[in-house]
Amino acid sequence: MSPQLKLIALDADDLSVISAHVQDARVQPSDIIWRQSEKRLVVGMSRLDWEQTLDGEAEPRRLVAALRFDRVLACKSRNIDLDALDTVLDLVGIEFHGQDAPPGGSALLLFAQGGAIRLDVECLECELTDLGADQLGTGLEAEAQG
């Protein structure tokens, strides 16, 4: 069993590592929490354990994880219905686009269904933390293969 990850991104290269780990993560709109007064966005997700998969284990495993962005000045979404609580969004990846005056810029969370979340940040401060095995996600993977 892979150890639980805790990754921090402070620049675009760091964020590309986190992006690789959250590729194909499942996100429900109800698990996207924008705390404007705290300048923070938290996204709960069920992510694939890519390290376990690359180690050759036959059964894909999902982990519950939290993705947190701090120092967020603005949060905007496109083609995401935050009221559709049962919808499942598939996260494709995360990009960072710096501004002319570093260290600020925009982080983009891109979803397979054409949705996106743009975060305008003072500077990039992102953390991915695994919280444990996703019991429901594991069952869904078995059903999809069966």
C-alpha atoms as a PDB file:
ATOM      1  CA  MET A   1       0.000   0.000   0.000  1.00  0.00           C
ATOM      2  CA  SER A   2       1.349   3.417  -0.974  1.00  0.00           C
ATOM      3  CA  PRO A   3       1.950   5.961   1.754  1.00  0.00           C
ATOM      4  CA  GLN A   4      -0.489   8.845   1.878  1.00  0.00           C
ATOM      5  CA  LEU A   5       0.728  11.916   0.020  1.00  0.00           C
ATOM      6  CA  LYS A   6       1.099  15.444   1.265  1.00  0.00           C
ATOM      7  CA  LEU A   7       2.410  17.713  -1.481  1.00  0.00           C
ATOM      8  CA  ILE A   8       2.898  21.477  -1.502  1.00  0.00           C
ATOM      9  CA  ALA A   9       3.153  23.677  -4.609  1.00  0.00           C
ATOM     10  CA  LEU A  10       4.728  27.120  -4.536  1.00  0.00           C
ATOM     11  CA  ASP A  11       5.433  27.471  -8.273  1.00  0.00           C
ATOM     12  CA  ALA A  12       4.214  26.168 -11.628  1.00  0.00           C
ATOM     13  CA  ASP A  13       6.629  23.202 -11.623  1.00  0.00           C
ATOM     14  CA  ASP A  14       5.405  22.088  -8.195  1.00  0.00           C
ATOM     15  CA  LEU A  15       1.801  22.475  -9.337  1.00  0.00           C
ATOM     16  CA  SER A  16       2.430  20.236 -12.357  1.00  0.00           C
ATOM     17  CA  VAL A  17       3.384  17.433  -9.930  1.00  0.00           C
ATOM     18  CA  ILE A  18       0.146  17.908  -7.991  1.00  0.00           C
ATOM     19  CA  SER A  19      -1.754  18.048 -11.293  1.00  0.00           C
ATOM     20  CA  ALA A  20      -0.376  14.630 -12.264  1.00  0.00           C
ATOM     21  CA  HIS A  21      -1.562  13.157  -8.953  1.00  0.00           C
ATOM     22  CA  VAL A  22      -5.105  14.545  -9.284  1.00  0.00           C
ATOM     23  CA  GLN A  23      -5.591  13.588 -12.931  1.00  0.00           C
ATOM     24  CA  ASP A  24      -8.918  11.739 -13.299  1.00  0.00           C
ATOM     25  CA  ALA A  25     -10.010  12.671  -9.771  1.00  0.00           C
ATOM     26  CA  ARG A  26     -13.764  12.741  -9.168  1.00  0.00           C
ATOM     27  CA  VAL A  27     -15.156  15.933  -7.651  1.00  0.00           C
ATOM     28  CA  GLN A  28     -18.705  16.692  -6.589  1.00  0.00           C
ATOM     29  CA  PRO A  29     -19.776  20.355  -6.670  1.00  0.00           C
ATOM     30  CA  SER A  30     -20.829  20.072  -3.014  1.00  0.00           C
ATOM     31  CA  ASP A  31     -17.160  19.347  -2.174  1.00  0.00           C
ATOM     32  CA  ILE A  32     -15.924  22.629  -3.682  1.00  0.00           C
ATOM     33  CA  ILE A  33     -15.724  25.091  -0.803  1.00  0.00           C
ATOM     34  CA  TRP A  34     -14.855  28.744  -1.456  1.00  0.00           C
ATOM     35  CA  ARG A  35     -14.026  30.624   1.753  1.00  0.00           C
ATOM     36  CA  GLN A  36     -13.736  34.143   0.441  1.00  0.00           C
ATOM     37  CA  SER A  37     -13.078  35.749   3.849  1.00  0.00           C
ATOM     38  CA  GLU A  38     -10.142  33.339   4.364  1.00  0.00           C
ATOM     39  CA  LYS A  39      -8.894  33.699   0.762  1.00  0.00           C
ATOM     40  CA  ARG A  40      -9.054  29.908   0.471  1.00  0.00           C
ATOM     41  CA  LEU A  41     -10.543  27.297  -1.845  1.00  0.00           C
ATOM     42  CA  VAL A  42     -10.784  23.673  -0.706  1.00  0.00           C
ATOM     43  CA  VAL A  43     -11.754  20.866  -3.070  1.00  0.00           C
ATOM     44  CA  GLY A  44     -12.581  17.419  -1.723  1.00  0.00           C
ATOM     45  CA  MET A  45     -12.008  14.617  -4.198  1.00  0.00           C
ATOM     46  CA  SER A  46     -11.660  10.933  -4.855  1.00  0.00           C
ATOM     47  CA  ARG A  47      -8.357  10.566  -6.684  1.00  0.00           C
ATOM     48  CA  LEU A  48      -6.706   7.563  -8.297  1.00  0.00           C
ATOM     49  CA  ASP A  49      -3.662   6.285  -6.444  1.00  0.00           C
ATOM     50  CA  TRP A  50      -1.330   6.628  -9.422  1.00  0.00           C
ATOM     51  CA  GLU A  51       1.714   5.356  -7.486  1.00  0.00           C
ATOM     52  CA  GLN A  52      -0.079   2.102  -6.655  1.00  0.00           C
ATOM     53  CA  THR A  53      -1.261   1.778 -10.264  1.00  0.00           C
ATOM     54  CA  LEU A  54       2.263   2.346 -11.610  1.00  0.00           C
ATOM     55  CA  ASP A  55       3.596  -0.265  -9.159  1.00  0.00           C
ATOM     56  CA  GLY A  56       1.595  -2.818 -11.177  1.00  0.00           C
ATOM     57  CA  GLU A  57      -1.211  -3.582  -8.749  1.00  0.00           C
ATOM     58  CA  ALA A  58      -4.183  -4.952 -10.685  1.00  0.00           C
ATOM     59  CA  GLU A  59      -7.016  -3.238  -8.826  1.00  0.00           C
ATOM     60  CA  PRO A  60      -7.085   0.532  -9.131  1.00  0.00           C
ATOM     61  CA  ARG A  61      -7.547   2.218  -5.784  1.00  0.00           C
ATOM     62  CA  ARG A  62      -9.056   5.600  -5.005  1.00  0.00           C
ATOM     63  CA  LEU A  63      -8.105   7.845  -2.135  1.00  0.00           C
ATOM     64  CA  VAL A  64     -10.080  10.630  -0.505  1.00  0.00           C
ATOM     65  CA  ALA A  65      -7.988  13.779  -0.774  1.00  0.00           C
ATOM     66  CA  ALA A  66      -8.223  17.509  -0.141  1.00  0.00           C
ATOM     67  CA  LEU A  67      -6.776  20.095  -2.494  1.00  0.00           C
ATOM     68  CA  ARG A  68      -6.334  23.518  -0.912  1.00  0.00           C
ATOM     69  CA  PHE A  69      -5.386  26.858  -2.439  1.00  0.00           C
ATOM     70  CA  ASP A  70      -4.505  29.784  -0.170  1.00  0.00           C
ATOM     71  CA  ARG A  71      -4.058  33.507  -0.906  1.00  0.00           C
ATOM     72  CA  VAL A  72      -6.913  33.400  -3.411  1.00  0.00           C
ATOM     73  CA  LEU A  73      -8.148  36.847  -4.446  1.00  0.00           C
ATOM     74  CA  ALA A  74     -11.000  35.681  -6.691  1.00  0.00           C
ATOM     75  CA  CYS A  75     -12.698  32.411  -7.602  1.00  0.00           C
ATOM     76  CA  LYS A  76     -14.732  32.047 -10.797  1.00  0.00           C
ATOM     77  CA  SER A  77     -16.264  28.988 -12.419  1.00  0.00           C
ATOM     78  CA  ARG A  78     -17.483  28.184 -15.922  1.00  0.00           C
ATOM     79  CA  ASN A  79     -19.862  25.365 -16.917  1.00  0.00           C
ATOM     80  CA  ILE A  80     -20.089  24.021 -13.357  1.00  0.00           C
ATOM     81  CA  ASP A  81     -23.493  23.893 -11.706  1.00  0.00           C
ATOM     82  CA  LEU A  82     -22.703  24.247  -8.002  1.00  0.00           C
ATOM     83  CA  ASP A  83     -26.341  23.444  -7.185  1.00  0.00           C
ATOM     84  CA  ALA A  84     -26.230  20.034  -8.946  1.00  0.00           C
ATOM     85  CA  LEU A  85     -25.018  18.227  -5.853  1.00  0.00           C
ATOM     86  CA  ASP A  86     -25.179  14.711  -7.339  1.00  0.00           C
ATOM     87  CA  THR A  87     -23.094  15.606 -10.397  1.00  0.00           C
ATOM     88  CA  VAL A  88     -19.612  14.113 -10.599  1.00  0.00           C
ATOM     89  CA  LEU A  89     -16.923  16.175 -12.304  1.00  0.00           C
ATOM     90  CA  ASP A  90     -13.771  14.557 -13.689  1.00  0.00           C
ATOM     91  CA  LEU A  91     -10.684  16.675 -13.028  1.00  0.00           C
ATOM     92  CA  VAL A  92      -8.338  16.655 -16.008  1.00  0.00           C
ATOM     93  CA  GLY A  93      -5.557  18.750 -14.530  1.00  0.00           C
ATOM     94  CA  ILE A  94      -4.397  22.043 -13.074  1.00  0.00           C
ATOM     95  CA  GLU A  95      -2.441  24.795 -14.809  1.00  0.00           C
ATOM     96  CA  PHE A  96      -0.792  27.956 -13.498  1.00  0.00           C
ATOM     97  CA  HIS A  97      -0.461  31.114 -15.566  1.00  0.00           C
ATOM     98  CA  GLY A  98       1.801  33.750 -14.030  1.00  0.00           C
ATOM     99  CA  GLN A  99       1.275  37.473 -14.334  1.00  0.00           C
ATOM    100  CA  ASP A 100       3.689  40.093 -15.568  1.00  0.00           C
ATOM    101  CA  ALA A 101       4.276  41.025 -11.917  1.00  0.00           C
ATOM    102  CA  PRO A 102       5.230  37.783 -10.135  1.00  0.00           C
ATOM    103  CA  PRO A 103       4.407  36.003  -7.889  1.00  0.00           C
ATOM    104  CA  GLY A 104       0.687  36.439  -8.696  1.00  0.00           C
ATOM    105  CA  GLY A 105      -1.250  34.681 -11.406  1.00  0.00           C
ATOM    106  CA  SER A 106      -4.151  32.353 -12.083  1.00  0.00           C
ATOM    107  CA  ALA A 107      -4.570  28.678 -11.307  1.00  0.00           C
ATOM    108  CA  LEU A 108      -6.990  26.826 -13.599  1.00  0.00           C
ATOM    109  CA  LEU A 109      -8.714  23.607 -12.582  1.00  0.00           C
ATOM    110  CA  LEU A 110      -9.897  21.952 -15.809  1.00  0.00           C
ATOM    111  CA  PHE A 111     -12.670  19.362 -15.931  1.00  0.00           C
ATOM    112  CA  ALA A 112     -13.482  16.803 -18.648  1.00  0.00           C
ATOM    113  CA  GLN A 113     -17.035  18.072 -19.094  1.00  0.00           C
ATOM    114  CA  GLY A 114     -15.791  21.501 -20.233  1.00  0.00           C
ATOM    115  CA  GLY A 115     -16.012  23.072 -16.800  1.00  0.00           C
ATOM    116  CA  ALA A 116     -13.277  25.142 -15.239  1.00  0.00           C
ATOM    117  CA  ILE A 117     -12.470  26.997 -12.062  1.00  0.00           C
ATOM    118  CA  ARG A 118     -10.127  29.983 -12.238  1.00  0.00           C
ATOM    119  CA  LEU A 119      -8.404  31.204  -9.111  1.00  0.00           C
ATOM    120  CA  ASP A 120      -6.656  34.569  -9.147  1.00  0.00           C
ATOM    121  CA  VAL A 121      -3.926  34.313  -6.506  1.00  0.00           C
ATOM    122  CA  GLU A 122      -1.535  36.707  -4.767  1.00  0.00           C
ATOM    123  CA  CYS A 123       1.041  33.949  -5.094  1.00  0.00           C
ATOM    124  CA  LEU A 124       0.761  30.215  -5.667  1.00  0.00           C
ATOM    125  CA  GLU A 125       0.188  28.290  -2.450  1.00  0.00           C
ATOM    126  CA  CYS A 126      -1.417  24.877  -2.984  1.00  0.00           C
ATOM    127  CA  GLU A 127      -1.492  21.694  -0.941  1.00  0.00           C
ATOM    128  CA  LEU A 128      -2.715  18.173  -1.767  1.00  0.00           C
ATOM    129  CA  THR A 129      -3.308  15.896   1.228  1.00  0.00           C
ATOM    130  CA  ASP A 130      -4.552  12.312   1.165  1.00  0.00           C
ATOM    131  CA  LEU A 131      -7.098  11.576   3.882  1.00  0.00           C
ATOM    132  CA  GLY A 132      -7.512   7.809   3.445  1.00  0.00           C
ATOM    133  CA  ALA A 133      -8.946   5.101   1.220  1.00  0.00           C
ATOM    134  CA  ASP A 134     -12.175   5.877  -0.620  1.00  0.00           C
ATOM    135  CA  GLN A 135     -14.369   2.872   0.132  1.00  0.00           C
ATOM    136  CA  LEU A 136     -17.103   4.046  -2.248  1.00  0.00           C
ATOM    137  CA  GLY A 137     -14.632   4.850  -5.014  1.00  0.00           C
ATOM    138  CA  THR A 138     -13.127   1.373  -4.830  1.00  0.00           C
ATOM    139  CA  GLY A 139     -16.561  -0.182  -5.297  1.00  0.00           C
ATOM    140  CA  LEU A 140     -17.340   2.060  -8.245  1.00  0.00           C
ATOM    141  CA  GLU A 141     -14.117   1.034  -9.948  1.00  0.00           C
ATOM    142  CA  ALA A 142     -14.999  -2.659  -9.502  1.00  0.00           C
ATOM    143  CA  GLU A 143     -18.472  -2.065 -10.957  1.00  0.00           C
ATOM    144  CA  ALA A 144     -17.028  -0.219 -13.966  1.00  0.00           C
ATOM    145  CA  GLN A 145     -14.702  -3.129 -14.733  1.00  0.00           C
ATOM    146  CA  GLY A 146     -17.387  -5.820 -14.230  1.00  0.00           C
END
